Amino acid sequence: MSTEVKTKWYNKRALLFLSCWLFFPLGLYGVWKSSEVAKRWKYVITALILILYVPYIFILLNGDAQAPQKISSSPPQKLKKEQNIPIPDYSIIKIHNMAPYKISYDLLIHEELSKAQLERIRSSILEQTQDEYEKTFIVFYLPGMEVDAGGWAIGHSDREVEIFGR
């Protein structure tokens, strides 16, 4: 009878590296359990994993995973008094929320609108989001356009609406 000593997975460097990369909690456990990794490298690897993955987890938990906010298509009363242009009808297709950094809206407009009408929509959304987000992005789509394949027009918190057309 032969006596084979089975090497644990966390003492195999290739498996340990893969587990750190693909499933870091298991990899981190393996790093600290391993007798093959020197103690100073355990600290270095732990620090690298924390630097790489903690911000990513924060973005996932606070980003699109949140329930999208409902935005009213009618602006606050202050905007209605300032401008005579009525707010055209639009529908929210999708909201990408990465609070507090940015929020972006994919909007469906039901017909080609003038730049002033698009600015009116942009202003009403900015009025509702300016205190919560550093940047706001708006992509306007016409019926039949594919979402995420380029919009008919775009609006930003930093500059005026730009119309690209079909």
C-alpha atoms as a PDB file:
ATOM      1  CA  MET A   1       0.000   0.000   0.000  1.00  0.00           C
ATOM      2  CA  SER A   2       1.380   3.392  -1.014  1.00  0.00           C
ATOM      3  CA  THR A   3       1.114   6.385   1.222  1.00  0.00           C
ATOM      4  CA  GLU A   4       0.344   9.387  -0.931  1.00  0.00           C
ATOM      5  CA  VAL A   5       0.205  12.752   0.720  1.00  0.00           C
ATOM      6  CA  LYS A   6      -2.543  14.784  -0.874  1.00  0.00           C
ATOM      7  CA  THR A   7      -1.681  18.453  -1.292  1.00  0.00           C
ATOM      8  CA  LYS A   8      -4.453  20.766  -0.137  1.00  0.00           C
ATOM      9  CA  TRP A   9      -5.869  23.116  -2.787  1.00  0.00           C
ATOM     10  CA  TYR A  10      -4.638  26.187  -0.913  1.00  0.00           C
ATOM     11  CA  ASN A  11      -1.050  24.924  -1.064  1.00  0.00           C
ATOM     12  CA  LYS A  12      -1.186  24.786  -4.876  1.00  0.00           C
ATOM     13  CA  ARG A  13      -0.140  28.212  -6.104  1.00  0.00           C
ATOM     14  CA  ALA A  14      -2.050  28.092  -9.404  1.00  0.00           C
ATOM     15  CA  LEU A  15      -5.327  27.186  -7.686  1.00  0.00           C
ATOM     16  CA  LEU A  16      -4.708  29.760  -4.994  1.00  0.00           C
ATOM     17  CA  PHE A  17      -4.105  32.490  -7.598  1.00  0.00           C
ATOM     18  CA  LEU A  18      -7.254  31.518  -9.524  1.00  0.00           C
ATOM     19  CA  SER A  19      -9.377  31.460  -6.401  1.00  0.00           C
ATOM     20  CA  CYS A  20      -8.083  34.918  -5.411  1.00  0.00           C
ATOM     21  CA  TRP A  21      -8.938  36.262  -8.848  1.00  0.00           C
ATOM     22  CA  LEU A  22     -12.279  34.552  -9.496  1.00  0.00           C
ATOM     23  CA  PHE A  23     -13.734  34.162  -6.009  1.00  0.00           C
ATOM     24  CA  PHE A  24     -11.763  36.346  -3.673  1.00  0.00           C
ATOM     25  CA  PRO A  25     -13.328  35.359  -0.321  1.00  0.00           C
ATOM     26  CA  LEU A  26     -12.297  31.748  -0.886  1.00  0.00           C
ATOM     27  CA  GLY A  27      -8.923  32.853  -2.248  1.00  0.00           C
ATOM     28  CA  LEU A  28      -8.288  35.078   0.747  1.00  0.00           C
ATOM     29  CA  TYR A  29      -9.121  32.201   3.068  1.00  0.00           C
ATOM     30  CA  GLY A  30      -6.701  29.995   1.114  1.00  0.00           C
ATOM     31  CA  VAL A  31      -3.906  32.577   1.304  1.00  0.00           C
ATOM     32  CA  TRP A  32      -4.093  32.669   5.090  1.00  0.00           C
ATOM     33  CA  LYS A  33      -4.493  28.881   5.395  1.00  0.00           C
ATOM     34  CA  SER A  34      -1.585  28.110   3.058  1.00  0.00           C
ATOM     35  CA  SER A  35       1.799  27.060   4.389  1.00  0.00           C
ATOM     36  CA  GLU A  36       3.350  27.935   1.005  1.00  0.00           C
ATOM     37  CA  VAL A  37       2.816  31.697   1.277  1.00  0.00           C
ATOM     38  CA  ALA A  38       5.127  33.754   3.476  1.00  0.00           C
ATOM     39  CA  LYS A  39       3.451  35.903   6.127  1.00  0.00           C
ATOM     40  CA  ARG A  40       4.491  39.241   4.545  1.00  0.00           C
ATOM     41  CA  TRP A  41       3.007  38.099   1.214  1.00  0.00           C
ATOM     42  CA  LYS A  42      -0.225  37.216   2.994  1.00  0.00           C
ATOM     43  CA  TYR A  43      -0.499  40.864   4.065  1.00  0.00           C
ATOM     44  CA  VAL A  44       0.410  42.149   0.596  1.00  0.00           C
ATOM     45  CA  ILE A  45      -2.105  39.860  -1.129  1.00  0.00           C
ATOM     46  CA  THR A  46      -4.828  40.766   1.377  1.00  0.00           C
ATOM     47  CA  ALA A  47      -4.203  44.484   0.816  1.00  0.00           C
ATOM     48  CA  LEU A  48      -4.319  44.064  -2.980  1.00  0.00           C
ATOM     49  CA  ILE A  49      -7.555  42.114  -2.822  1.00  0.00           C
ATOM     50  CA  LEU A  50      -9.130  44.753  -0.601  1.00  0.00           C
ATOM     51  CA  ILE A  51      -7.955  47.577  -2.874  1.00  0.00           C
ATOM     52  CA  LEU A  52      -9.269  45.821  -5.991  1.00  0.00           C
ATOM     53  CA  TYR A  53     -12.534  44.338  -4.794  1.00  0.00           C
ATOM     54  CA  VAL A  54     -13.972  46.537  -2.052  1.00  0.00           C
ATOM     55  CA  PRO A  55     -14.649  49.529  -4.367  1.00  0.00           C
ATOM     56  CA  TYR A  56     -16.185  47.159  -6.920  1.00  0.00           C
ATOM     57  CA  ILE A  57     -18.495  45.668  -4.291  1.00  0.00           C
ATOM     58  CA  PHE A  58     -19.439  49.172  -3.139  1.00  0.00           C
ATOM     59  CA  ILE A  59     -20.399  50.128  -6.701  1.00  0.00           C
ATOM     60  CA  LEU A  60     -22.426  46.937  -7.148  1.00  0.00           C
ATOM     61  CA  LEU A  61     -24.306  47.446  -3.912  1.00  0.00           C
ATOM     62  CA  ASN A  62     -24.938  51.145  -4.467  1.00  0.00           C
ATOM     63  CA  GLY A  63     -25.206  51.197  -8.250  1.00  0.00           C
ATOM     64  CA  ASP A  64     -27.757  49.628 -10.590  1.00  0.00           C
ATOM     65  CA  ALA A  65     -28.705  47.082  -7.946  1.00  0.00           C
ATOM     66  CA  GLN A  66     -30.744  49.772  -6.209  1.00  0.00           C
ATOM     67  CA  ALA A  67     -34.354  50.170  -7.087  1.00  0.00           C
ATOM     68  CA  PRO A  68     -34.600  52.861  -9.743  1.00  0.00           C
ATOM     69  CA  GLN A  69     -35.945  56.170  -8.591  1.00  0.00           C
ATOM     70  CA  LYS A  70     -39.232  57.332  -9.972  1.00  0.00           C
ATOM     71  CA  ILE A  71     -38.912  60.631 -11.784  1.00  0.00           C
ATOM     72  CA  SER A  72     -42.000  62.634 -12.452  1.00  0.00           C
ATOM     73  CA  SER A  73     -42.410  63.863 -16.003  1.00  0.00           C
ATOM     74  CA  SER A  74     -43.770  67.124 -14.683  1.00  0.00           C
ATOM     75  CA  PRO A  75     -41.215  69.610 -13.359  1.00  0.00           C
ATOM     76  CA  PRO A  76     -41.305  71.511 -10.097  1.00  0.00           C
ATOM     77  CA  GLN A  77     -43.566  74.574 -10.110  1.00  0.00           C
ATOM     78  CA  LYS A  78     -40.567  76.930 -10.218  1.00  0.00           C
ATOM     79  CA  LEU A  79     -39.573  75.662 -13.683  1.00  0.00           C
ATOM     80  CA  LYS A  80     -43.103  75.902 -15.058  1.00  0.00           C
ATOM     81  CA  LYS A  81     -43.205  79.603 -14.242  1.00  0.00           C
ATOM     82  CA  GLU A  82     -39.763  80.296 -15.717  1.00  0.00           C
ATOM     83  CA  GLN A  83     -40.415  78.762 -19.118  1.00  0.00           C
ATOM     84  CA  ASN A  84     -43.406  78.849 -21.422  1.00  0.00           C
ATOM     85  CA  ILE A  85     -42.451  75.637 -23.238  1.00  0.00           C
ATOM     86  CA  PRO A  86     -44.579  72.717 -22.057  1.00  0.00           C
ATOM     87  CA  ILE A  87     -42.782  69.522 -21.131  1.00  0.00           C
ATOM     88  CA  PRO A  88     -43.329  66.953 -23.887  1.00  0.00           C
ATOM     89  CA  ASP A  89     -44.449  63.440 -23.006  1.00  0.00           C
ATOM     90  CA  TYR A  90     -41.697  60.891 -22.517  1.00  0.00           C
ATOM     91  CA  SER A  91     -41.230  57.500 -20.900  1.00  0.00           C
ATOM     92  CA  ILE A  92     -38.323  56.263 -18.833  1.00  0.00           C
ATOM     93  CA  ILE A  93     -36.869  53.134 -20.413  1.00  0.00           C
ATOM     94  CA  LYS A  94     -34.032  52.527 -17.968  1.00  0.00           C
ATOM     95  CA  ILE A  95     -32.190  54.255 -15.129  1.00  0.00           C
ATOM     96  CA  HIS A  96     -28.502  53.581 -14.391  1.00  0.00           C
ATOM     97  CA  ASN A  97     -27.937  54.704 -10.804  1.00  0.00           C
ATOM     98  CA  MET A  98     -24.386  55.017  -9.473  1.00  0.00           C
ATOM     99  CA  ALA A  99     -25.064  57.273  -6.497  1.00  0.00           C
ATOM    100  CA  PRO A 100     -23.635  59.700  -5.555  1.00  0.00           C
ATOM    101  CA  TYR A 101     -21.468  59.985  -8.664  1.00  0.00           C
ATOM    102  CA  LYS A 102     -23.823  59.788 -11.598  1.00  0.00           C
ATOM    103  CA  ILE A 103     -27.239  58.828 -12.796  1.00  0.00           C
ATOM    104  CA  SER A 104     -28.185  58.247 -16.404  1.00  0.00           C
ATOM    105  CA  TYR A 105     -31.583  57.974 -18.030  1.00  0.00           C
ATOM    106  CA  ASP A 106     -32.650  56.268 -21.224  1.00  0.00           C
ATOM    107  CA  LEU A 107     -35.821  58.079 -22.301  1.00  0.00           C
ATOM    108  CA  LEU A 108     -38.303  57.299 -25.044  1.00  0.00           C
ATOM    109  CA  ILE A 109     -39.706  60.376 -26.746  1.00  0.00           C
ATOM    110  CA  HIS A 110     -42.660  59.687 -28.984  1.00  0.00           C
ATOM    111  CA  GLU A 111     -41.673  62.005 -31.836  1.00  0.00           C
ATOM    112  CA  GLU A 112     -38.791  64.196 -32.969  1.00  0.00           C
ATOM    113  CA  LEU A 113     -38.684  67.222 -30.684  1.00  0.00           C
ATOM    114  CA  SER A 114     -37.055  70.605 -30.980  1.00  0.00           C
ATOM    115  CA  LYS A 115     -33.891  71.370 -29.074  1.00  0.00           C
ATOM    116  CA  ALA A 116     -35.880  73.685 -26.786  1.00  0.00           C
ATOM    117  CA  GLN A 117     -38.315  70.868 -25.936  1.00  0.00           C
ATOM    118  CA  LEU A 118     -35.435  68.473 -25.198  1.00  0.00           C
ATOM    119  CA  GLU A 119     -33.798  71.144 -23.028  1.00  0.00           C
ATOM    120  CA  ARG A 120     -37.082  71.455 -21.149  1.00  0.00           C
ATOM    121  CA  ILE A 121     -37.050  67.710 -20.351  1.00  0.00           C
ATOM    122  CA  ARG A 122     -33.370  67.902 -19.398  1.00  0.00           C
ATOM    123  CA  SER A 123     -34.000  70.855 -17.082  1.00  0.00           C
ATOM    124  CA  SER A 124     -36.867  69.127 -15.311  1.00  0.00           C
ATOM    125  CA  ILE A 125     -34.760  66.014 -14.643  1.00  0.00           C
ATOM    126  CA  LEU A 126     -31.724  68.036 -13.550  1.00  0.00           C
ATOM    127  CA  GLU A 127     -33.887  69.984 -11.126  1.00  0.00           C
ATOM    128  CA  GLN A 128     -34.799  66.701  -9.423  1.00  0.00           C
ATOM    129  CA  THR A 129     -31.323  65.117  -9.423  1.00  0.00           C
ATOM    130  CA  GLN A 130     -28.815  67.973  -9.018  1.00  0.00           C
ATOM    131  CA  ASP A 131     -28.545  67.708  -5.236  1.00  0.00           C
ATOM    132  CA  GLU A 132     -27.995  63.940  -5.176  1.00  0.00           C
ATOM    133  CA  TYR A 133     -25.624  63.317  -8.109  1.00  0.00           C
ATOM    134  CA  GLU A 134     -22.446  64.903  -9.427  1.00  0.00           C
ATOM    135  CA  LYS A 135     -23.383  64.151 -13.050  1.00  0.00           C
ATOM    136  CA  THR A 136     -26.604  63.416 -14.877  1.00  0.00           C
ATOM    137  CA  PHE A 137     -26.708  61.886 -18.367  1.00  0.00           C
ATOM    138  CA  ILE A 138     -29.807  61.588 -20.546  1.00  0.00           C
ATOM    139  CA  VAL A 139     -30.133  59.642 -23.806  1.00  0.00           C
ATOM    140  CA  PHE A 140     -33.248  60.299 -25.893  1.00  0.00           C
ATOM    141  CA  TYR A 141     -34.578  57.491 -28.107  1.00  0.00           C
ATOM    142  CA  LEU A 142     -37.302  57.569 -30.735  1.00  0.00           C
ATOM    143  CA  PRO A 143     -39.737  54.666 -31.191  1.00  0.00           C
ATOM    144  CA  GLY A 144     -38.054  51.697 -32.876  1.00  0.00           C
ATOM    145  CA  MET A 145     -34.517  52.687 -31.861  1.00  0.00           C
ATOM    146  CA  GLU A 146     -32.376  50.098 -30.107  1.00  0.00           C
ATOM    147  CA  VAL A 147     -31.407  51.064 -26.563  1.00  0.00           C
ATOM    148  CA  ASP A 148     -27.642  51.246 -25.884  1.00  0.00           C
ATOM    149  CA  ALA A 149     -26.921  51.487 -29.612  1.00  0.00           C
ATOM    150  CA  GLY A 150     -26.757  55.282 -29.718  1.00  0.00           C
ATOM    151  CA  GLY A 151     -29.607  57.657 -29.081  1.00  0.00           C
ATOM    152  CA  TRP A 152     -31.317  60.265 -31.220  1.00  0.00           C
ATOM    153  CA  ALA A 153     -30.131  63.001 -28.846  1.00  0.00           C
ATOM    154  CA  ILE A 154     -28.218  63.328 -25.574  1.00  0.00           C
ATOM    155  CA  GLY A 155     -28.240  65.700 -22.642  1.00  0.00           C
ATOM    156  CA  HIS A 156     -25.762  66.174 -19.793  1.00  0.00           C
ATOM    157  CA  SER A 157     -25.688  68.093 -16.560  1.00  0.00           C
ATOM    158  CA  ASP A 158     -22.668  70.011 -17.916  1.00  0.00           C
ATOM    159  CA  ARG A 159     -23.812  71.051 -21.386  1.00  0.00           C
ATOM    160  CA  GLU A 160     -26.779  71.588 -23.669  1.00  0.00           C
ATOM    161  CA  VAL A 161     -28.699  68.923 -25.531  1.00  0.00           C
ATOM    162  CA  GLU A 162     -27.088  67.595 -28.709  1.00  0.00           C
ATOM    163  CA  ILE A 163     -29.253  66.129 -31.480  1.00  0.00           C
ATOM    164  CA  PHE A 164     -27.647  63.444 -33.642  1.00  0.00           C
ATOM    165  CA  GLY A 165     -30.654  62.268 -35.635  1.00  0.00           C
ATOM    166  CA  ARG A 166     -31.199  58.745 -36.877  1.00  0.00           C
END
